[in-house]
Amino acid sequence: MSAQVDRFVHDRLPPAAQLPVFRYELPELQLPDQLNLVEELLDKAATKGFGDKPMLRSPQGTLTYAQAAVEVNRIAQVLIEDLKLVPGNRVLLRGGNSVAMALAWLAVVKAGLIAVATMPLLRAKELGDIIEKAQPVAALCDGRLLEELAIAQREHPVLATVVAFNKPDADDSLSARAAKKSGVFQACPTASDDIALLAFTSGTTGKPKAPVTTHRDVLAMCQTWPRHVLRARSDDIVVGSPPLAFTFGLGGLLVFPMWAGASVYFPDAPFTPEGLVKLINEVGATICYTAPTFYRQMAPFVRQHGMPTLRISVSAGEALPDATRQLWKEASGIEMLDGIGGTEVFHIYISAAGADVRRGAVGKVVPGFTAKVVDNQGNEVPRGTVGKLALQGPVGCRYLDDPRQTDYVKNGWNYPGDSFVQDDDGYFFYQARADDMIITAGYNVGGPEVEDALLKHPAVAECGVIGKPDPERGMIVKAFCVLKPGNEGNAALVKTLQDHVKATIAPFKYPREIEFVPALPRTETGKLQRFKLRQPNTTTS
């Protein structure tokens, strides 16, 4: 029985006819109807022998599982006792990867609230779009990131309360409030199908979509890729670059280590490629998560410094070029653990590790899932033929109140939007995105969102944005701009437009290349033909 009194999300789930088929064939996927994922992963750690083991590490010190449980309880008490939140309320989380961010996320979910984690680089406009969609009534925000959230809050008063963390000198900070609490808190008795999080993704249009993830979904995913492919151990120390606001980072750098009784190290400063190699050596890290671009940049420093403790390197977030896999293997001696997953299903569903790796392939379908390559009518194509990926498993896409649900789920199958070839042995070979998503250095960027930002500049009359292949980043954001009369398309204006985009939306979305053109290719009805912009040596006129 649901414990979530606030039914906002439950009432906006897709109708049954638009839902995917959920498959729970494996014995380990038979989960009870009532469970709270934080209670399972954290409160029960002591009974699994993990209570006194390290869980969260940072330059400031280490928290064991037992110590982290007390801190999570104190924050949950603040949420329920002080802020008067009720199960089902959405709580926006804004912060980079840190121990405080991890504790805040766990407290929100343990209290039966719904976590809405956001990227630290998002600007007020993007935060406002998320607030408008999710209707959070409270936010927990890193004290260094309050400014943009304050702007968004003024425009969206539904967000009534903001409490800062990582702000030790403030009397009203989250840590100051939590220090007054007992640390005793009973997990909300959520149903397994109660909502744990909304993980926003912009999609190709720039309009945010909110995949809905339940307590069952998260724990079911722990029983698939982490159990059968990753195989982390309780003595592992995990590091990596993906943000906790991405489900790739949330799984790899919090949930999956907790499931294994392992620990995670969160540094104070962002990574550089050399810095990550040095950190792995300093803390004795054994598992690393980052994007292919970063591994490529790390390789020369691995040769320089060595990296004796690392045993697993996980690549995801964008396609892994075989050249990068071989470069990394040559430098580190480690076979990359590649995988493809998605926010809509929380994490990785096709992968391979160690001896199961086949050159050029992402891997095989992860136990618990089934996948096939199909044509436009949903019919499976012969092996060796390019088609669209369709999959089913213990998790599946449920968008919050979004007509795009029917684009992702068709006849009970999830369609992530990727083109693949499957060989006779069941290995899947990635071909391309089936949509206009730009994936650059592991970040997803919707071209129309960048276009919208550029069009806000007074010099730009029209623009079109695409992803351009790039050996270092996989793709870069490239913009084609038509200028208004009186403006000269020169290097100075390129810099001006790039800075404008950085100030308007998240800085990583800015166009690294801008080409000034007299006109853009359009259909007779005025629709921009981005495919023509992608064609090399095409003259626009």
Protein backbone atom coordinates (compact mmCIF):
# COMPACT_ATOMS: atom_id res chain seq x y z
CA MET A 1 0.00 0.00 0.00
CA SER A 2 1.38 3.40 -0.99
CA ALA A 3 2.68 5.62 1.80
CA GLN A 4 2.95 8.70 -0.41
CA VAL A 5 0.23 11.09 0.69
CA ASP A 6 1.07 13.66 -1.97
CA ARG A 7 -0.17 11.96 -5.17
CA PHE A 8 1.13 14.57 -7.62
CA VAL A 9 3.50 12.16 -9.42
CA HIS A 10 1.31 9.06 -9.08
CA ASP A 11 -1.58 10.93 -10.69
CA ARG A 12 0.57 11.95 -13.66
CA LEU A 13 1.98 8.57 -14.62
CA PRO A 14 1.21 7.25 -18.11
CA PRO A 15 -1.97 5.22 -18.53
CA ALA A 16 -1.58 1.45 -18.38
CA ALA A 17 -1.87 1.12 -22.16
CA GLN A 18 1.26 3.27 -22.61
CA LEU A 19 3.44 1.41 -20.09
CA PRO A 20 6.17 -1.04 -21.05
CA VAL A 21 6.09 -4.69 -20.06
CA PHE A 22 8.01 -5.23 -16.81
CA ARG A 23 9.85 -8.55 -16.54
CA TYR A 24 10.84 -10.12 -13.23
CA GLU A 25 11.81 -13.65 -14.28
CA LEU A 26 15.06 -13.91 -12.32
CA PRO A 27 14.66 -15.11 -8.70
CA GLU A 28 16.63 -12.12 -7.40
CA LEU A 29 14.06 -9.78 -8.99
CA GLN A 30 11.22 -11.10 -6.83
CA LEU A 31 11.04 -8.12 -4.49
CA PRO A 32 8.42 -7.51 -1.76
CA ASP A 33 5.49 -5.18 -2.34
CA GLN A 34 6.64 -2.91 0.47
CA LEU A 35 10.21 -1.66 0.61
CA ASN A 36 12.22 1.51 1.04
CA LEU A 37 15.44 1.42 -0.95
CA VAL A 38 17.44 3.42 1.63
CA GLU A 39 16.28 1.15 4.41
CA GLU A 40 17.42 -1.83 2.33
CA LEU A 41 20.80 -0.39 1.35
CA LEU A 42 21.73 1.63 4.43
CA ASP A 43 19.71 0.62 7.49
CA LYS A 44 20.28 -3.08 6.84
CA ALA A 45 24.01 -2.65 6.14
CA ALA A 46 24.88 -3.70 9.70
CA THR A 47 23.05 -7.02 9.35
CA LYS A 48 25.06 -7.65 6.18
CA GLY A 49 28.32 -7.02 8.02
CA PHE A 50 28.92 -3.57 6.50
CA GLY A 51 28.05 -1.36 9.49
CA ASP A 52 31.61 -0.52 10.49
CA LYS A 53 32.97 -0.45 6.96
CA PRO A 54 33.78 2.84 5.18
CA MET A 55 30.97 4.18 3.01
CA LEU A 56 31.61 7.84 2.13
CA ARG A 57 35.15 9.19 1.90
CA SER A 58 36.42 12.73 1.29
CA PRO A 59 39.45 14.88 2.15
CA GLN A 60 37.62 15.80 5.38
CA GLY A 61 37.32 12.22 6.58
CA THR A 62 35.35 9.01 6.28
CA LEU A 63 31.87 7.97 7.35
CA THR A 64 31.10 4.33 8.00
CA TYR A 65 27.75 2.88 7.02
CA ALA A 66 26.58 3.17 10.64
CA GLN A 67 27.73 6.79 10.90
CA ALA A 68 26.18 7.70 7.56
CA ALA A 69 22.87 6.18 8.68
CA VAL A 70 22.76 8.53 11.68
CA GLU A 71 23.51 11.57 9.50
CA VAL A 72 20.84 10.55 7.00
CA ASN A 73 18.33 10.17 9.84
CA ARG A 74 19.11 13.66 11.13
CA ILE A 75 18.51 15.21 7.72
CA ALA A 76 15.29 13.22 7.33
CA GLN A 77 14.16 14.61 10.68
CA VAL A 78 14.78 18.15 9.43
CA LEU A 79 12.71 17.44 6.33
CA ILE A 80 9.75 15.97 8.19
CA GLU A 81 9.86 17.71 11.58
CA ASP A 82 11.12 21.18 10.65
CA LEU A 83 10.02 21.65 7.04
CA LYS A 84 6.77 19.72 7.59
CA LEU A 85 7.10 17.80 4.32
CA VAL A 86 4.89 14.79 3.67
CA PRO A 87 5.67 11.61 1.71
CA GLY A 88 5.28 12.20 -2.00
CA ASN A 89 6.44 15.85 -1.86
CA ARG A 90 9.19 16.57 -4.36
CA VAL A 91 12.50 17.94 -3.07
CA LEU A 92 14.90 19.56 -5.52
CA LEU A 93 18.57 18.78 -4.89
CA ARG A 94 21.26 21.06 -6.33
CA GLY A 95 24.92 20.33 -5.86
CA GLY A 96 28.04 18.71 -7.21
CA ASN A 97 29.29 15.34 -6.05
CA SER A 98 30.00 15.48 -2.33
CA VAL A 99 29.33 13.59 0.88
CA ALA A 100 26.71 16.21 1.79
CA MET A 101 24.91 15.77 -1.52
CA ALA A 102 24.87 11.98 -1.11
CA LEU A 103 23.52 12.18 2.45
CA ALA A 104 20.83 14.66 1.38
CA TRP A 105 19.67 12.42 -1.46
CA LEU A 106 19.46 9.39 0.82
CA ALA A 107 17.54 11.33 3.46
CA VAL A 108 14.98 12.58 0.96
CA VAL A 109 14.25 9.09 -0.33
CA LYS A 110 14.28 7.46 3.10
CA ALA A 111 11.62 9.94 4.25
CA GLY A 112 9.33 8.86 1.42
CA LEU A 113 9.89 12.10 -0.46
CA ILE A 114 10.80 12.24 -4.15
CA ALA A 115 14.33 13.35 -5.04
CA VAL A 116 14.69 15.73 -7.99
CA ALA A 117 18.45 16.03 -8.40
CA THR A 118 19.71 18.72 -10.77
CA MET A 119 23.01 19.39 -12.46
CA PRO A 120 25.12 22.03 -10.67
CA LEU A 121 25.80 23.83 -13.97
CA LEU A 122 22.14 24.53 -14.74
CA ARG A 123 21.06 28.16 -14.95
CA ALA A 124 17.90 29.75 -13.56
CA LYS A 125 15.91 29.21 -16.76
CA GLU A 126 16.65 25.48 -16.80
CA LEU A 127 15.97 25.15 -13.09
CA GLY A 128 12.71 27.00 -13.65
CA ASP A 129 11.65 24.50 -16.31
CA ILE A 130 12.29 21.65 -13.87
CA ILE A 131 10.44 23.40 -11.04
CA GLU A 132 7.49 24.04 -13.34
CA LYS A 133 7.34 20.35 -14.27
CA ALA A 134 8.05 18.70 -10.91
CA GLN A 135 6.47 21.26 -8.56
CA PRO A 136 8.99 20.75 -5.72
CA VAL A 137 7.99 22.42 -2.46
CA ALA A 138 11.50 22.46 -0.99
CA ALA A 139 15.10 22.41 -2.13
CA LEU A 140 18.41 21.38 -0.59
CA CYS A 141 21.15 23.35 -2.32
CA ASP A 142 24.92 23.58 -2.04
CA GLY A 143 25.68 26.94 -0.48
CA ARG A 144 27.94 27.82 -3.41
CA LEU A 145 25.12 27.37 -5.93
CA LEU A 146 22.29 29.39 -4.37
CA GLU A 147 22.31 32.35 -6.76
CA GLU A 148 20.70 30.77 -9.85
CA LEU A 149 18.24 28.82 -7.71
CA ALA A 150 17.16 32.02 -5.98
CA ILE A 151 16.36 33.57 -9.36
CA ALA A 152 14.33 30.51 -10.35
CA GLN A 153 12.56 30.48 -6.98
CA ARG A 154 11.39 34.08 -7.39
CA GLU A 155 9.74 33.13 -10.67
CA HIS A 156 8.30 29.86 -9.31
CA PRO A 157 6.97 30.45 -5.78
CA VAL A 158 5.76 26.83 -5.48
CA LEU A 159 9.35 26.25 -4.29
CA ALA A 160 8.66 27.61 -0.82
CA THR A 161 11.78 26.62 1.10
CA VAL A 162 15.48 26.42 0.28
CA VAL A 163 17.98 25.04 2.80
CA ALA A 164 21.71 25.19 2.10
CA PHE A 165 24.27 22.47 2.71
CA ASN A 166 28.06 22.70 2.51
CA LYS A 167 27.65 26.06 4.28
CA PRO A 168 29.15 25.36 7.71
CA ASP A 169 29.07 28.88 9.16
CA ALA A 170 25.34 29.46 8.60
CA ASP A 171 23.04 28.98 11.60
CA ASP A 172 20.19 27.90 9.34
CA SER A 173 22.24 25.52 7.18
CA LEU A 174 21.21 21.90 6.77
CA SER A 175 24.11 20.69 8.90
CA ALA A 176 23.30 23.17 11.69
CA ARG A 177 19.66 22.10 11.72
CA ALA A 178 20.56 18.41 11.55
CA ALA A 179 23.04 18.69 14.44
CA LYS A 180 20.11 19.40 16.76
CA LYS A 181 18.34 16.17 15.85
CA SER A 182 18.53 12.80 17.61
CA GLY A 183 19.54 10.75 14.58
CA VAL A 184 16.68 8.33 15.17
CA PHE A 185 14.26 8.07 12.25
CA GLN A 186 12.13 5.23 10.99
CA ALA A 187 12.16 4.81 7.23
CA CYS A 188 8.91 5.71 5.53
CA PRO A 189 7.06 2.42 4.83
CA THR A 190 6.90 3.03 1.10
CA ALA A 191 5.38 0.59 -1.32
CA SER A 192 7.86 -0.85 -3.79
CA ASP A 193 6.07 1.06 -6.55
CA ASP A 194 6.16 4.36 -4.68
CA ILE A 195 8.29 6.99 -6.40
CA ALA A 196 11.91 7.48 -5.33
CA LEU A 197 13.17 10.01 -7.87
CA LEU A 198 12.53 12.08 -10.95
CA ALA A 199 15.67 12.15 -13.11
CA PHE A 200 15.28 14.95 -15.61
CA THR A 201 16.67 14.68 -19.10
CA SER A 202 16.35 17.38 -21.74
CA GLY A 203 15.81 15.15 -24.75
CA THR A 204 16.31 16.41 -28.28
CA THR A 205 13.89 19.30 -27.97
CA GLY A 206 15.43 20.95 -24.93
CA LYS A 207 12.10 20.62 -23.13
CA PRO A 208 12.82 18.61 -19.97
CA LYS A 209 11.40 15.13 -19.64
CA ALA A 210 11.06 13.53 -16.22
CA PRO A 211 11.46 9.75 -16.16
CA VAL A 212 9.88 8.36 -13.00
CA THR A 213 11.86 5.80 -10.98
CA THR A 214 10.40 3.75 -8.12
CA HIS A 215 12.00 2.13 -5.08
CA ARG A 216 11.55 -1.25 -6.80
CA ASP A 217 13.26 0.02 -9.96
CA VAL A 218 16.43 1.04 -8.14
CA LEU A 219 16.74 -2.19 -6.17
CA ALA A 220 15.89 -4.28 -9.23
CA MET A 221 18.68 -2.59 -11.16
CA CYS A 222 21.08 -3.52 -8.35
CA GLN A 223 20.27 -7.15 -9.16
CA THR A 224 21.08 -6.83 -12.87
CA TRP A 225 24.23 -5.10 -14.15
CA PRO A 226 25.97 -4.65 -10.75
CA ARG A 227 25.34 -8.26 -9.76
CA HIS A 228 26.08 -10.01 -13.04
CA VAL A 229 28.60 -7.76 -14.84
CA LEU A 230 30.25 -5.22 -12.52
CA ARG A 231 30.64 -7.58 -9.53
CA ALA A 232 31.92 -5.00 -7.10
CA ARG A 233 33.27 -6.14 -3.74
CA SER A 234 32.91 -4.72 -0.26
CA ASP A 235 36.59 -3.72 -0.21
CA ASP A 236 36.27 -1.63 -3.39
CA ILE A 237 36.87 2.13 -3.37
CA VAL A 238 34.96 3.86 -6.15
CA VAL A 239 35.74 7.18 -7.86
CA GLY A 240 34.42 8.86 -10.95
CA SER A 241 33.23 11.96 -12.74
CA PRO A 242 29.51 11.50 -13.58
CA PRO A 243 27.29 13.75 -11.47
CA LEU A 244 24.94 12.27 -8.89
CA ALA A 245 22.22 14.21 -10.74
CA PHE A 246 22.66 11.73 -13.63
CA THR A 247 21.40 8.22 -13.00
CA PHE A 248 24.73 6.96 -14.39
CA GLY A 249 26.47 8.77 -11.54
CA LEU A 250 23.78 8.02 -8.96
CA GLY A 251 24.06 4.31 -9.64
CA GLY A 252 27.81 4.10 -10.09
CA LEU A 253 28.85 6.49 -7.32
CA LEU A 254 26.25 5.81 -4.63
CA VAL A 255 23.57 3.14 -5.03
CA PHE A 256 25.64 0.31 -6.51
CA PRO A 257 28.58 0.72 -4.10
CA MET A 258 26.09 0.65 -1.20
CA TRP A 259 24.53 -2.54 -2.57
CA ALA A 260 28.01 -4.15 -2.52
CA GLY A 261 29.06 -2.66 0.83
CA ALA A 262 31.84 -0.72 -0.92
CA SER A 263 32.88 2.92 -0.42
CA VAL A 264 32.98 6.04 -2.60
CA TYR A 265 35.54 8.85 -2.55
CA PHE A 266 34.28 12.38 -3.31
CA PRO A 267 37.06 14.96 -3.84
CA ASP A 268 36.67 18.66 -3.06
CA ALA A 269 37.49 19.90 -6.56
CA PRO A 270 36.48 18.85 -10.08
CA PHE A 271 38.65 16.29 -11.82
CA THR A 272 41.26 16.87 -14.45
CA PRO A 273 42.51 13.81 -16.37
CA GLU A 274 45.88 13.89 -14.58
CA GLY A 275 44.19 14.72 -11.28
CA LEU A 276 41.91 11.68 -11.52
CA VAL A 277 44.87 9.39 -12.18
CA LYS A 278 46.72 10.84 -9.18
CA LEU A 279 43.61 10.57 -7.00
CA ILE A 280 43.14 6.91 -7.90
CA ASN A 281 46.69 6.29 -6.73
CA GLU A 282 46.38 8.42 -3.59
CA VAL A 283 43.21 6.78 -2.28
CA GLY A 284 43.82 3.29 -3.69
CA ALA A 285 40.69 3.38 -5.85
CA THR A 286 39.70 0.11 -7.47
CA ILE A 287 36.71 1.13 -9.65
CA CYS A 288 36.46 4.22 -11.85
CA TYR A 289 33.49 5.63 -13.78
CA THR A 290 33.91 8.23 -16.50
CA ALA A 291 33.26 8.91 -20.18
CA PRO A 292 35.44 7.66 -23.07
CA THR A 293 36.77 11.17 -23.72
CA PHE A 294 38.14 11.38 -20.21
CA TYR A 295 39.77 7.93 -20.38
CA ARG A 296 41.49 8.97 -23.58
CA GLN A 297 42.85 12.07 -21.88
CA MET A 298 43.89 10.05 -18.83
CA ALA A 299 45.90 7.47 -20.78
CA PRO A 300 49.21 9.39 -21.05
CA PHE A 301 49.14 10.12 -17.31
CA VAL A 302 48.54 6.45 -16.56
CA ARG A 303 51.73 5.69 -18.48
CA GLN A 304 53.52 8.39 -16.51
CA HIS A 305 52.27 7.64 -13.00
CA GLY A 306 51.08 4.03 -13.16
CA MET A 307 47.81 2.94 -11.57
CA PRO A 308 48.35 -0.32 -9.66
CA THR A 309 45.16 -0.44 -7.56
CA LEU A 310 42.54 0.08 -10.27
CA ARG A 311 40.85 -3.13 -11.38
CA ILE A 312 37.65 -1.98 -13.13
CA SER A 313 37.17 1.01 -15.45
CA VAL A 314 33.57 1.60 -16.49
CA SER A 315 32.80 3.59 -19.63
CA ALA A 316 29.34 4.90 -20.38
CA GLY A 317 27.52 8.11 -21.22
CA GLU A 318 28.53 8.06 -24.90
CA ALA A 319 29.75 5.60 -27.51
CA LEU A 320 33.16 4.08 -26.74
CA PRO A 321 35.40 4.19 -29.83
CA ASP A 322 37.46 1.05 -30.20
CA ALA A 323 40.57 3.22 -30.59
CA THR A 324 39.94 4.62 -27.11
CA ARG A 325 39.36 1.14 -25.67
CA GLN A 326 42.67 -0.09 -27.10
CA LEU A 327 44.55 3.05 -26.05
CA TRP A 328 43.30 2.61 -22.48
CA LYS A 329 44.10 -1.10 -22.43
CA GLU A 330 47.61 -0.41 -23.68
CA ALA A 331 48.19 2.27 -21.05
CA SER A 332 46.53 0.60 -18.05
CA GLY A 333 46.40 -3.11 -18.84
CA ILE A 334 42.66 -3.00 -18.08
CA GLU A 335 39.94 -4.10 -20.49
CA MET A 336 37.32 -1.37 -20.47
CA LEU A 337 33.92 -2.32 -19.10
CA ASP A 338 31.62 -0.69 -21.64
CA GLY A 339 27.88 -0.31 -21.33
CA ILE A 340 24.86 1.47 -22.68
CA GLY A 341 21.92 2.49 -20.57
CA GLY A 342 19.55 5.36 -20.14
CA THR A 343 17.84 7.61 -17.65
CA GLU A 344 14.48 6.13 -18.59
CA VAL A 345 15.56 2.72 -17.26
CA PHE A 346 17.98 4.08 -14.64
CA HIS A 347 21.22 2.46 -15.78
CA ILE A 348 23.07 -0.03 -17.99
CA TYR A 349 21.25 -2.81 -19.87
CA ILE A 350 23.83 -3.90 -22.49
CA SER A 351 27.40 -4.51 -21.36
CA ALA A 352 30.34 -6.89 -21.21
CA ALA A 353 33.35 -7.25 -18.94
CA GLY A 354 36.69 -9.03 -18.99
CA ALA A 355 36.86 -12.14 -21.15
CA ASP A 356 33.33 -11.50 -22.43
CA VAL A 357 34.40 -8.32 -24.25
CA ARG A 358 34.27 -8.50 -28.04
CA ARG A 359 36.17 -5.86 -29.95
CA GLY A 360 33.91 -3.15 -31.36
CA ALA A 361 30.83 -4.36 -29.46
CA VAL A 362 29.15 -2.73 -26.46
CA GLY A 363 28.36 -6.20 -25.13
CA LYS A 364 25.43 -8.53 -24.60
CA VAL A 365 22.10 -7.90 -22.98
CA VAL A 366 22.44 -7.83 -19.17
CA PRO A 367 20.71 -10.69 -17.29
CA GLY A 368 17.21 -9.57 -16.34
CA PHE A 369 16.71 -7.77 -19.66
CA THR A 370 15.79 -8.89 -23.14
CA ALA A 371 16.64 -6.85 -26.22
CA LYS A 372 16.25 -7.06 -29.97
CA VAL A 373 17.03 -5.03 -33.07
CA VAL A 374 13.90 -4.18 -35.03
CA ASP A 375 12.66 -2.34 -38.10
CA ASN A 376 10.26 0.60 -38.12
CA GLN A 377 7.29 -1.73 -37.64
CA GLY A 378 8.83 -3.42 -34.58
CA ASN A 379 9.74 -6.62 -36.38
CA GLU A 380 13.09 -8.17 -35.45
CA VAL A 381 15.58 -7.83 -38.28
CA PRO A 382 18.09 -10.54 -39.29
CA ARG A 383 21.32 -10.65 -37.35
CA GLY A 384 23.92 -8.36 -38.89
CA THR A 385 21.28 -5.85 -40.00
CA VAL A 386 21.07 -2.29 -38.71
CA GLY A 387 17.88 -1.47 -36.85
CA LYS A 388 16.44 0.18 -33.77
CA LEU A 389 17.06 -1.21 -30.31
CA ALA A 390 14.00 -2.39 -28.37
CA LEU A 391 14.19 -3.77 -24.84
CA GLN A 392 12.23 -5.00 -21.84
CA GLY A 393 13.34 -5.69 -18.28
CA PRO A 394 12.51 -5.11 -14.63
CA VAL A 395 12.46 -1.35 -15.28
CA GLY A 396 11.02 0.72 -18.08
CA CYS A 397 10.10 4.21 -19.18
CA ARG A 398 7.39 6.15 -17.37
CA TYR A 399 7.50 9.84 -18.21
CA LEU A 400 5.80 12.29 -15.90
CA ASP A 401 2.81 13.77 -17.75
CA ASP A 402 4.49 13.80 -21.16
CA PRO A 403 3.08 12.96 -24.61
CA ARG A 404 6.55 11.71 -25.59
CA GLN A 405 5.77 8.54 -23.63
CA THR A 406 4.34 7.02 -26.80
CA ASP A 407 7.58 7.76 -28.68
CA TYR A 408 9.63 5.80 -26.16
CA VAL A 409 7.25 2.91 -25.39
CA LYS A 410 5.55 1.03 -28.21
CA ASN A 411 3.63 -2.23 -27.83
CA GLY A 412 5.20 -2.84 -24.43
CA TRP A 413 8.80 -2.33 -25.58
CA ASN A 414 11.18 0.49 -24.66
CA TYR A 415 12.80 2.26 -27.62
CA PRO A 416 15.85 4.19 -26.35
CA GLY A 417 16.46 5.79 -29.75
CA ASP A 418 19.69 3.98 -30.64
CA SER A 419 20.58 2.10 -33.79
CA PHE A 420 22.41 -1.21 -33.35
CA VAL A 421 23.55 -4.33 -35.15
CA GLN A 422 23.39 -7.65 -33.30
CA ASP A 423 25.68 -10.49 -34.39
CA ASP A 424 24.99 -14.23 -34.35
CA ASP A 425 26.52 -14.57 -30.87
CA GLY A 426 24.22 -11.96 -29.36
CA TYR A 427 26.70 -9.07 -29.19
CA PHE A 428 25.32 -5.61 -29.84
CA PHE A 429 27.31 -3.12 -31.95
CA TYR A 430 26.33 0.52 -31.55
CA GLN A 431 25.74 2.48 -34.75
CA ALA A 432 24.32 5.89 -33.91
CA ARG A 433 21.61 7.83 -32.13
CA ALA A 434 18.32 7.65 -33.95
CA ASP A 435 17.49 11.24 -33.05
CA ASP A 436 19.18 14.62 -32.92
CA MET A 437 20.74 14.29 -29.48
CA ILE A 438 24.27 15.60 -29.27
CA ILE A 439 26.41 13.57 -26.87
CA THR A 440 29.60 15.46 -26.14
CA ALA A 441 32.15 14.21 -23.61
CA GLY A 442 29.40 12.26 -21.85
CA TYR A 443 26.91 15.15 -21.65
CA ASN A 444 23.59 15.17 -23.49
CA VAL A 445 22.81 18.40 -25.29
CA GLY A 446 19.64 19.14 -27.23
CA GLY A 447 20.37 21.21 -30.32
CA PRO A 448 17.14 23.25 -30.16
CA GLU A 449 18.00 24.36 -26.63
CA VAL A 450 21.30 25.83 -27.84
CA GLU A 451 19.54 27.40 -30.79
CA ASP A 452 17.11 29.07 -28.43
CA ALA A 453 19.98 30.53 -26.41
CA LEU A 454 21.75 31.83 -29.52
CA LEU A 455 18.60 33.42 -30.84
CA LYS A 456 18.39 35.50 -27.68
CA HIS A 457 21.48 37.41 -28.84
CA PRO A 458 20.62 40.54 -30.84
CA ALA A 459 23.11 39.74 -33.60
CA VAL A 460 21.59 36.35 -34.53
CA ALA A 461 18.73 36.13 -37.01
CA GLU A 462 18.58 32.37 -37.46
CA CYS A 463 20.62 29.41 -36.33
CA GLY A 464 20.85 25.66 -36.52
CA VAL A 465 22.80 23.43 -34.11
CA ILE A 466 24.13 19.93 -34.73
CA GLY A 467 26.63 17.50 -33.31
CA LYS A 468 29.87 17.35 -35.26
CA PRO A 469 32.09 14.24 -34.91
CA ASP A 470 35.20 14.95 -32.88
CA PRO A 471 38.05 12.55 -32.03
CA GLU A 472 38.48 13.89 -28.50
CA ARG A 473 34.92 14.54 -27.29
CA GLY A 474 33.01 12.12 -29.47
CA MET A 475 30.98 15.06 -30.75
CA ILE A 476 31.10 18.81 -30.35
CA VAL A 477 28.25 21.27 -30.49
CA LYS A 478 28.43 23.20 -33.76
CA ALA A 479 26.21 26.16 -34.63
CA PHE A 480 25.37 27.63 -38.03
CA CYS A 481 24.31 31.25 -37.60
CA VAL A 482 22.66 33.72 -39.94
CA LEU A 483 23.41 37.23 -38.72
CA LYS A 484 21.20 40.27 -38.73
CA PRO A 485 22.32 43.11 -41.05
CA GLY A 486 25.11 45.25 -39.69
CA ASN A 487 26.92 42.42 -37.88
CA GLU A 488 30.23 40.99 -39.05
CA GLY A 489 30.87 37.28 -38.65
CA ASN A 490 34.37 37.30 -37.21
CA ALA A 491 36.34 35.68 -34.40
CA ALA A 492 35.28 38.34 -31.93
CA LEU A 493 31.61 37.61 -32.54
CA VAL A 494 32.23 33.87 -32.20
CA LYS A 495 33.66 34.51 -28.72
CA THR A 496 30.78 36.85 -27.86
CA LEU A 497 28.15 34.30 -28.88
CA GLN A 498 29.91 31.48 -27.02
CA ASP A 499 30.03 33.55 -23.84
CA HIS A 500 26.37 34.47 -24.32
CA VAL A 501 25.35 30.81 -24.46
CA LYS A 502 27.46 29.99 -21.41
CA ALA A 503 25.66 32.71 -19.46
CA THR A 504 22.21 31.61 -20.65
CA ILE A 505 22.27 27.82 -20.21
CA ALA A 506 24.70 25.31 -18.70
CA PRO A 507 28.20 26.24 -19.92
CA PHE A 508 29.04 22.76 -21.24
CA LYS A 509 26.31 23.23 -23.88
CA TYR A 510 28.01 26.12 -25.67
CA PRO A 511 28.93 25.69 -29.35
CA ARG A 512 32.63 25.00 -29.66
CA GLU A 513 32.40 25.80 -33.36
CA ILE A 514 30.31 28.54 -34.99
CA GLU A 515 30.00 28.97 -38.74
CA PHE A 516 28.36 32.06 -40.21
CA VAL A 517 26.18 31.31 -43.23
CA PRO A 518 23.88 33.40 -45.47
CA ALA A 519 20.88 31.10 -44.96
CA LEU A 520 19.82 27.78 -43.43
CA PRO A 521 18.42 24.80 -45.33
CA ARG A 522 14.67 24.54 -44.73
CA THR A 523 11.69 22.70 -46.14
CA GLU A 524 8.94 24.51 -48.01
CA THR A 525 7.04 24.75 -44.75
CA GLY A 526 10.02 26.36 -43.02
CA LYS A 527 11.26 23.35 -41.03
CA LEU A 528 15.02 23.34 -40.44
CA GLN A 529 16.76 20.45 -42.19
CA ARG A 530 19.49 19.57 -39.72
CA PHE A 531 20.50 16.53 -41.72
CA LYS A 532 21.75 18.87 -44.44
CA LEU A 533 23.86 20.75 -41.91
CA ARG A 534 25.52 17.45 -40.99
CA GLN A 535 26.54 16.72 -44.56
CA PRO A 536 30.21 17.62 -45.10
CA ASN A 537 31.08 20.24 -47.70
CA THR A 538 27.47 21.31 -48.08
CA THR A 539 27.06 24.95 -49.01
CA THR A 540 24.08 26.62 -47.42
CA SER A 541 22.40 29.28 -49.46
